[in-house]
PDB file of all heavy atoms in Angstrom:
ATOM      1  N   TYR A   1       0.853  -1.169   0.013  1.00  0.00           N
ATOM      2  CA  TYR A   1       0.006   0.049  -0.036  1.00  0.00           C
ATOM      3  C   TYR A   1       0.904   1.232  -0.017  1.00  0.00           C
ATOM      4  O   TYR A   1       2.050   1.159   0.102  1.00  0.00           O
ATOM      5  CB  TYR A   1      -0.947  -0.048   1.240  1.00  0.00           C
ATOM      6  CG  TYR A   1      -0.286   0.256   2.534  1.00  0.00           C
ATOM      7  CD1 TYR A   1      -0.397   1.400   3.273  1.00  0.00           C
ATOM      8  CD2 TYR A   1       0.482  -0.859   3.169  1.00  0.00           C
ATOM      9  CE1 TYR A   1       0.215   1.673   4.473  1.00  0.00           C
ATOM     10  CE2 TYR A   1       1.141  -0.559   4.354  1.00  0.00           C
ATOM     11  CZ  TYR A   1       0.936   0.630   5.007  1.00  0.00           C
ATOM     12  OH  TYR A   1       1.576   0.827   6.189  1.00  0.00           O
ATOM     13  N   ILE A   2       0.233   2.426  -0.183  1.00  0.00           N
ATOM     14  CA  ILE A   2       1.089   3.619  -0.165  1.00  0.00           C
ATOM     15  C   ILE A   2       1.307   4.063   1.233  1.00  0.00           C
ATOM     16  O   ILE A   2       0.648   4.796   1.945  1.00  0.00           O
ATOM     17  CB  ILE A   2       0.236   4.714  -1.008  1.00  0.00           C
ATOM     18  CG1 ILE A   2      -0.131   4.262  -2.313  1.00  0.00           C
ATOM     19  CG2 ILE A   2       1.072   5.994  -1.078  1.00  0.00           C
ATOM     20  CD1 ILE A   2      -1.109   5.153  -3.074  1.00  0.00           C
ATOM     21  N   PHE A   3       2.446   3.679   1.756  1.00  0.00           N
ATOM     22  CA  PHE A   3       2.913   3.795   3.178  1.00  0.00           C
ATOM     23  C   PHE A   3       2.865   5.238   3.578  1.00  0.00           C
ATOM     24  O   PHE A   3       2.446   5.484   4.646  1.00  0.00           O
ATOM     25  CB  PHE A   3       4.306   3.182   3.284  1.00  0.00           C
ATOM     26  CG  PHE A   3       4.916   3.358   4.564  1.00  0.00           C
ATOM     27  CD1 PHE A   3       4.591   2.428   5.655  1.00  0.00           C
ATOM     28  CD2 PHE A   3       5.804   4.420   4.948  1.00  0.00           C
ATOM     29  CE1 PHE A   3       5.189   2.507   6.911  1.00  0.00           C
ATOM     30  CE2 PHE A   3       6.359   4.472   6.138  1.00  0.00           C
ATOM     31  CZ  PHE A   3       6.055   3.575   7.146  1.00  0.00           C
ATOM     32  N   GLY A   4       3.296   6.099   2.698  1.00  0.00           N
ATOM     33  CA  GLY A   4       3.565   7.536   3.229  1.00  0.00           C
ATOM     34  C   GLY A   4       2.332   8.360   3.482  1.00  0.00           C
ATOM     35  O   GLY A   4       2.431   9.501   3.980  1.00  0.00           O
ATOM     36  N   ILE A   5       1.170   7.828   3.151  1.00  0.00           N
ATOM     37  CA  ILE A   5      -0.045   8.632   3.388  1.00  0.00           C
ATOM     38  C   ILE A   5      -0.841   8.141   4.560  1.00  0.00           C
ATOM     39  O   ILE A   5      -2.002   8.641   4.808  1.00  0.00           O
ATOM     40  CB  ILE A   5      -0.945   8.743   2.167  1.00  0.00           C
ATOM     41  CG1 ILE A   5      -1.542   7.317   1.733  1.00  0.00           C
ATOM     42  CG2 ILE A   5      -0.217   9.375   0.991  1.00  0.00           C
ATOM     43  CD1 ILE A   5      -2.582   7.392   0.622  1.00  0.00           C
ATOM     44  N   PHE A   6      -0.354   7.098   5.304  1.00  0.00           N
ATOM     45  CA  PHE A   6      -1.094   6.503   6.432  1.00  0.00           C
ATOM     46  C   PHE A   6      -0.397   6.777   7.784  1.00  0.00           C
ATOM     47  O   PHE A   6       0.795   6.766   7.788  1.00  0.00           O
ATOM     48  CB  PHE A   6      -1.263   4.994   6.221  1.00  0.00           C
ATOM     49  CG  PHE A   6      -2.315   4.599   5.179  1.00  0.00           C
ATOM     50  CD1 PHE A   6      -2.054   4.563   3.848  1.00  0.00           C
ATOM     51  CD2 PHE A   6      -3.631   4.338   5.681  1.00  0.00           C
ATOM     52  CE1 PHE A   6      -3.029   4.281   2.914  1.00  0.00           C
ATOM     53  CE2 PHE A   6      -4.515   3.920   4.737  1.00  0.00           C
ATOM     54  CZ  PHE A   6      -4.246   3.928   3.434  1.00  0.00           C
ATOM     55  N   ASN A   7      -1.235   7.004   8.803  1.00  0.00           N
ATOM     56  CA  ASN A   7      -0.650   6.876  10.159  1.00  0.00           C
ATOM     57  C   ASN A   7      -0.134   5.506  10.363  1.00  0.00           C
ATOM     58  O   ASN A   7      -0.716   4.527   9.774  1.00  0.00           O
ATOM     59  CB  ASN A   7      -1.777   7.150  11.113  1.00  0.00           C
ATOM     60  CG  ASN A   7      -2.306   8.591  11.208  1.00  0.00           C
ATOM     61  OD1 ASN A   7      -1.589   9.504  10.676  1.00  0.00           O
ATOM     62  ND2 ASN A   7      -3.399   8.773  11.717  1.00  0.00           N
ATOM     63  N   MET A   8       0.912   5.392  11.218  1.00  0.00           N
ATOM     64  CA  MET A   8       1.407   4.051  11.563  1.00  0.00           C
ATOM     65  C   MET A   8       1.487   4.008  13.090  1.00  0.00           C
ATOM     66  O   MET A   8       1.758   5.013  13.781  1.00  0.00           O
ATOM     67  CB  MET A   8       2.827   3.794  11.018  1.00  0.00           C
ATOM     68  CG  MET A   8       2.769   3.504   9.477  1.00  0.00           C
ATOM     69  SD  MET A   8       1.910   2.002   9.086  1.00  0.00           S
ATOM     70  CE  MET A   8       2.877   0.835   9.950  1.00  0.00           C
ATOM     71  N   GLY A   9       1.224   2.782  13.563  1.00  0.00           N
ATOM     72  CA  GLY A   9       1.326   2.642  15.077  1.00  0.00           C
ATOM     73  C   GLY A   9       2.111   1.419  15.487  1.00  0.00           C
ATOM     74  O   GLY A   9       2.232   0.365  14.756  1.00  0.00           O
ATOM     75  N   TRP A  10       2.695   1.359  16.647  1.00  0.00           N
ATOM     76  CA  TRP A  10       3.271   0.250  17.338  1.00  0.00           C
ATOM     77  C   TRP A  10       2.296  -0.187  18.442  1.00  0.00           C
ATOM     78  O   TRP A  10       1.873   0.710  19.207  1.00  0.00           O
ATOM     79  CB  TRP A  10       4.604   0.437  17.869  1.00  0.00           C
ATOM     80  CG  TRP A  10       5.723   0.424  16.893  1.00  0.00           C
ATOM     81  CD1 TRP A  10       6.328   1.498  16.246  1.00  0.00           C
ATOM     82  CD2 TRP A  10       6.340  -0.699  16.391  1.00  0.00           C
ATOM     83  NE1 TRP A  10       7.283   1.019  15.364  1.00  0.00           N
ATOM     84  CE2 TRP A  10       7.334  -0.354  15.474  1.00  0.00           C
ATOM     85  CE3 TRP A  10       6.150  -2.132  16.661  1.00  0.00           C
ATOM     86  CZ2 TRP A  10       8.179  -1.268  14.715  1.00  0.00           C
ATOM     87  CZ3 TRP A  10       6.996  -2.944  15.975  1.00  0.00           C
ATOM     88  CH2 TRP A  10       7.973  -2.565  15.082  1.00  0.00           C
ATOM     89  N   TYR A  11       1.975  -1.429  18.500  1.00  0.00           N
ATOM     90  CA  TYR A  11       1.115  -1.991  19.380  1.00  0.00           C
ATOM     91  C   TYR A  11       1.791  -3.058  20.197  1.00  0.00           C
ATOM     92  O   TYR A  11       2.895  -3.560  19.749  1.00  0.00           O
ATOM     93  CB  TYR A  11      -0.137  -2.648  18.770  1.00  0.00           C
ATOM     94  CG  TYR A  11      -0.952  -1.793  17.949  1.00  0.00           C
ATOM     95  CD1 TYR A  11      -0.570  -1.248  16.753  1.00  0.00           C
ATOM     96  CD2 TYR A  11      -2.291  -1.463  18.424  1.00  0.00           C
ATOM     97  CE1 TYR A  11      -1.370  -0.425  15.980  1.00  0.00           C
ATOM     98  CE2 TYR A  11      -3.065  -0.611  17.650  1.00  0.00           C
ATOM     99  CZ  TYR A  11      -2.621  -0.135  16.456  1.00  0.00           C
ATOM    100  OH  TYR A  11      -3.462   0.663  15.654  1.00  0.00           O
ATOM    101  N   ARG A  12       1.291  -3.507  21.422  1.00  0.00           N
ATOM    102  CA  ARG A  12       1.966  -4.592  22.055  1.00  0.00           C
ATOM    103  C   ARG A  12       0.779  -5.300  22.819  1.00  0.00           C
ATOM    104  O   ARG A  12      -0.219  -4.878  23.082  1.00  0.00           O
ATOM    105  CB  ARG A  12       2.929  -4.101  23.097  1.00  0.00           C
ATOM    106  CG  ARG A  12       2.378  -3.345  24.283  1.00  0.00           C
ATOM    107  CD  ARG A  12       3.554  -2.863  25.119  1.00  0.00           C
ATOM    108  NE  ARG A  12       3.083  -2.100  26.339  1.00  0.00           N
ATOM    109  CZ  ARG A  12       3.897  -1.468  27.102  1.00  0.00           C
ATOM    110  NH1 ARG A  12       5.264  -1.428  26.897  1.00  0.00           N
ATOM    111  NH2 ARG A  12       3.468  -0.844  28.196  1.00  0.00           N
ATOM    112  N   GLN A  13       1.093  -6.607  22.981  1.00  0.00           N
ATOM    113  CA  GLN A  13       0.174  -7.488  23.680  1.00  0.00           C
ATOM    114  C   GLN A  13       0.950  -8.454  24.552  1.00  0.00           C
ATOM    115  O   GLN A  13       1.699  -9.250  24.060  1.00  0.00           O
ATOM    116  CB  GLN A  13      -0.734  -8.341  22.659  1.00  0.00           C
ATOM    117  CG  GLN A  13      -1.855  -9.136  23.223  1.00  0.00           C
ATOM    118  CD  GLN A  13      -2.716  -9.665  22.142  1.00  0.00           C
ATOM    119  OE1 GLN A  13      -2.465  -9.803  21.039  1.00  0.00           O
ATOM    120  NE2 GLN A  13      -3.953  -9.966  22.650  1.00  0.00           N
ATOM    121  N   ALA A  14       0.628  -8.353  25.862  1.00  0.00           N
ATOM    122  CA  ALA A  14       1.158  -9.215  26.852  1.00  0.00           C
ATOM    123  C   ALA A  14       0.229 -10.483  27.071  1.00  0.00           C
ATOM    124  O   ALA A  14      -0.958 -10.280  26.752  1.00  0.00           O
ATOM    125  CB  ALA A  14       1.441  -8.544  28.090  1.00  0.00           C
ATOM    126  N   PRO A  15       0.738 -11.572  27.508  1.00  0.00           N
ATOM    127  CA  PRO A  15      -0.200 -12.710  27.745  1.00  0.00           C
ATOM    128  C   PRO A  15      -1.456 -12.346  28.641  1.00  0.00           C
ATOM    129  O   PRO A  15      -1.214 -11.707  29.717  1.00  0.00           O
ATOM    130  CB  PRO A  15       0.747 -13.754  28.405  1.00  0.00           C
ATOM    131  CG  PRO A  15       2.144 -13.358  27.974  1.00  0.00           C
ATOM    132  CD  PRO A  15       2.154 -11.899  27.805  1.00  0.00           C
ATOM    133  N   GLY A  16      -2.606 -12.768  28.185  1.00  0.00           N
ATOM    134  CA  GLY A  16      -3.778 -12.491  28.983  1.00  0.00           C
ATOM    135  C   GLY A  16      -4.309 -11.103  28.974  1.00  0.00           C
ATOM    136  O   GLY A  16      -5.154 -10.710  29.753  1.00  0.00           O
ATOM    137  N   THR A  17      -3.740 -10.185  28.065  1.00  0.00           N
ATOM    138  CA  THR A  17      -4.156  -8.767  28.030  1.00  0.00           C
ATOM    139  C   THR A  17      -4.647  -8.549  26.485  1.00  0.00           C
ATOM    140  O   THR A  17      -4.305  -9.204  25.560  1.00  0.00           O
ATOM    141  CB  THR A  17      -3.069  -7.838  28.363  1.00  0.00           C
ATOM    142  OG1 THR A  17      -2.056  -7.872  27.419  1.00  0.00           O
ATOM    143  CG2 THR A  17      -2.498  -8.255  29.736  1.00  0.00           C
ATOM    144  N   GLU A  18      -5.355  -7.421  26.364  1.00  0.00           N
ATOM    145  CA  GLU A  18      -5.723  -6.981  24.982  1.00  0.00           C
ATOM    146  C   GLU A  18      -4.544  -6.233  24.424  1.00  0.00           C
ATOM    147  O   GLU A  18      -3.657  -5.669  25.131  1.00  0.00           O
ATOM    148  CB  GLU A  18      -6.918  -6.105  25.110  1.00  0.00           C
ATOM    149  CG  GLU A  18      -8.150  -6.805  25.575  1.00  0.00           C
ATOM    150  CD  GLU A  18      -9.427  -6.027  25.370  1.00  0.00           C
ATOM    151  OE1 GLU A  18      -9.280  -4.786  25.008  1.00  0.00           O
ATOM    152  OE2 GLU A  18     -10.531  -6.551  25.612  1.00  0.00           O
ATOM    153  N   ARG A  19      -4.599  -6.234  23.033  1.00  0.00           N
ATOM    154  CA  ARG A  19      -3.540  -5.490  22.303  1.00  0.00           C
ATOM    155  C   ARG A  19      -3.700  -3.970  22.551  1.00  0.00           C
ATOM    156  O   ARG A  19      -4.837  -3.503  22.554  1.00  0.00           O
ATOM    157  CB  ARG A  19      -3.641  -5.801  20.891  1.00  0.00           C
ATOM    158  CG  ARG A  19      -2.447  -5.274  19.978  1.00  0.00           C
ATOM    159  CD  ARG A  19      -2.724  -5.728  18.543  1.00  0.00           C
ATOM    160  NE  ARG A  19      -2.491  -7.240  18.464  1.00  0.00           N
ATOM    161  CZ  ARG A  19      -2.913  -7.991  17.395  1.00  0.00           C
ATOM    162  NH1 ARG A  19      -3.605  -7.381  16.451  1.00  0.00           N
ATOM    163  NH2 ARG A  19      -2.661  -9.265  17.332  1.00  0.00           N
ATOM    164  N   GLU A  20      -2.614  -3.294  22.844  1.00  0.00           N
ATOM    165  CA  GLU A  20      -2.772  -1.825  23.128  1.00  0.00           C
ATOM    166  C   GLU A  20      -1.793  -1.093  22.148  1.00  0.00           C
ATOM    167  O   GLU A  20      -0.770  -1.451  21.870  1.00  0.00           O
ATOM    168  CB  GLU A  20      -2.440  -1.523  24.594  1.00  0.00           C
ATOM    169  CG  GLU A  20      -0.944  -1.849  24.994  1.00  0.00           C
ATOM    170  CD  GLU A  20      -0.614  -1.333  26.300  1.00  0.00           C
ATOM    171  OE1 GLU A  20      -1.248  -0.318  26.860  1.00  0.00           O
ATOM    172  OE2 GLU A  20       0.358  -1.909  26.849  1.00  0.00           O
ATOM    173  N   LEU A  21      -2.203   0.127  21.834  1.00  0.00           N
ATOM    174  CA  LEU A  21      -1.449   1.091  20.922  1.00  0.00           C
ATOM    175  C   LEU A  21      -0.514   1.803  21.972  1.00  0.00           C
ATOM    176  O   LEU A  21      -0.885   2.395  22.865  1.00  0.00           O
ATOM    177  CB  LEU A  21      -2.419   2.052  20.286  1.00  0.00           C
ATOM    178  CG  LEU A  21      -1.745   3.085  19.415  1.00  0.00           C
ATOM    179  CD1 LEU A  21      -0.909   2.472  18.362  1.00  0.00           C
ATOM    180  CD2 LEU A  21      -2.705   4.145  18.899  1.00  0.00           C
ATOM    181  N   VAL A  22       0.857   1.724  21.725  1.00  0.00           N
ATOM    182  CA  VAL A  22       1.756   2.439  22.567  1.00  0.00           C
ATOM    183  C   VAL A  22       2.363   3.628  21.868  1.00  0.00           C
ATOM    184  O   VAL A  22       2.888   4.496  22.542  1.00  0.00           O
ATOM    185  CB  VAL A  22       2.873   1.471  23.030  1.00  0.00           C
ATOM    186  CG1 VAL A  22       2.270   0.392  23.886  1.00  0.00           C
ATOM    187  CG2 VAL A  22       3.677   0.844  21.853  1.00  0.00           C
ATOM    188  N   ALA A  23       2.376   3.675  20.456  1.00  0.00           N
ATOM    189  CA  ALA A  23       2.990   4.835  19.863  1.00  0.00           C
ATOM    190  C   ALA A  23       2.405   5.011  18.485  1.00  0.00           C
ATOM    191  O   ALA A  23       2.082   4.017  17.832  1.00  0.00           O
ATOM    192  CB  ALA A  23       4.474   4.670  19.784  1.00  0.00           C
ATOM    193  N   LEU A  24       2.162   6.282  18.106  1.00  0.00           N
ATOM    194  CA  LEU A  24       1.525   6.595  16.839  1.00  0.00           C
ATOM    195  C   LEU A  24       2.339   7.659  16.177  1.00  0.00           C
ATOM    196  O   LEU A  24       2.893   8.556  16.773  1.00  0.00           O
ATOM    197  CB  LEU A  24       0.145   7.105  17.124  1.00  0.00           C
ATOM    198  CG  LEU A  24      -0.683   7.560  15.834  1.00  0.00           C
ATOM    199  CD1 LEU A  24      -1.125   6.357  15.030  1.00  0.00           C
ATOM    200  CD2 LEU A  24      -1.912   8.454  16.265  1.00  0.00           C
ATOM    201  N   ILE A  25       2.526   7.554  14.770  1.00  0.00           N
ATOM    202  CA  ILE A  25       3.134   8.548  13.972  1.00  0.00           C
ATOM    203  C   ILE A  25       2.326   8.856  12.776  1.00  0.00           C
ATOM    204  O   ILE A  25       1.852   7.953  12.094  1.00  0.00           O
ATOM    205  CB  ILE A  25       4.593   8.087  13.691  1.00  0.00           C
ATOM    206  CG1 ILE A  25       5.391   9.300  13.044  1.00  0.00           C
ATOM    207  CG2 ILE A  25       4.623   6.865  12.798  1.00  0.00           C
ATOM    208  CD1 ILE A  25       6.881   9.069  12.991  1.00  0.00           C
ATOM    209  N   THR A  26       2.154  10.110  12.532  1.00  0.00           N
ATOM    210  CA  THR A  26       1.425  10.588  11.310  1.00  0.00           C
ATOM    211  C   THR A  26       2.284  10.634  10.047  1.00  0.00           C
ATOM    212  O   THR A  26       3.552  10.426  10.224  1.00  0.00           O
ATOM    213  CB  THR A  26       0.831  12.003  11.566  1.00  0.00           C
ATOM    214  OG1 THR A  26       1.913  12.906  11.645  1.00  0.00           O
ATOM    215  CG2 THR A  26       0.012  12.037  12.829  1.00  0.00           C
ATOM    216  N   PRO A  27       1.742  10.698   8.899  1.00  0.00           N
ATOM    217  CA  PRO A  27       2.602  10.827   7.653  1.00  0.00           C
ATOM    218  C   PRO A  27       3.658  11.880   7.780  1.00  0.00           C
ATOM    219  O   PRO A  27       4.657  11.726   7.159  1.00  0.00           O
ATOM    220  CB  PRO A  27       1.534  11.027   6.557  1.00  0.00           C
ATOM    221  CG  PRO A  27       0.327  10.409   7.020  1.00  0.00           C
ATOM    222  CD  PRO A  27       0.274  10.734   8.581  1.00  0.00           C
ATOM    223  N   ASN A  28       3.401  12.968   8.375  1.00  0.00           N
ATOM    224  CA  ASN A  28       4.414  14.045   8.532  1.00  0.00           C
ATOM    225  C   ASN A  28       5.132  13.976   9.850  1.00  0.00           C
ATOM    226  O   ASN A  28       5.754  14.999  10.255  1.00  0.00           O
ATOM    227  CB  ASN A  28       3.849  15.448   8.292  1.00  0.00           C
ATOM    228  CG  ASN A  28       2.736  15.781   9.245  1.00  0.00           C
ATOM    229  OD1 ASN A  28       2.379  14.952  10.075  1.00  0.00           O
ATOM    230  ND2 ASN A  28       2.313  17.035   9.290  1.00  0.00           N
ATOM    231  N   SER A  29       5.165  12.847  10.450  1.00  0.00           N
ATOM    232  CA  SER A  29       5.911  12.525  11.618  1.00  0.00           C
ATOM    233  C   SER A  29       5.579  13.185  12.888  1.00  0.00           C
ATOM    234  O   SER A  29       6.464  13.353  13.831  1.00  0.00           O
ATOM    235  CB  SER A  29       7.397  12.725  11.376  1.00  0.00           C
ATOM    236  OG  SER A  29       7.832  11.685  10.349  1.00  0.00           O
TER     237      SER A  29
END
């Protein structure tokens, strides 16, 4: 896909927990 026009996020999931968003970056950083 066209990477440069989308927000991107890092998520994490520990055992027994829901996936959570820990960091977000917009197309212009």
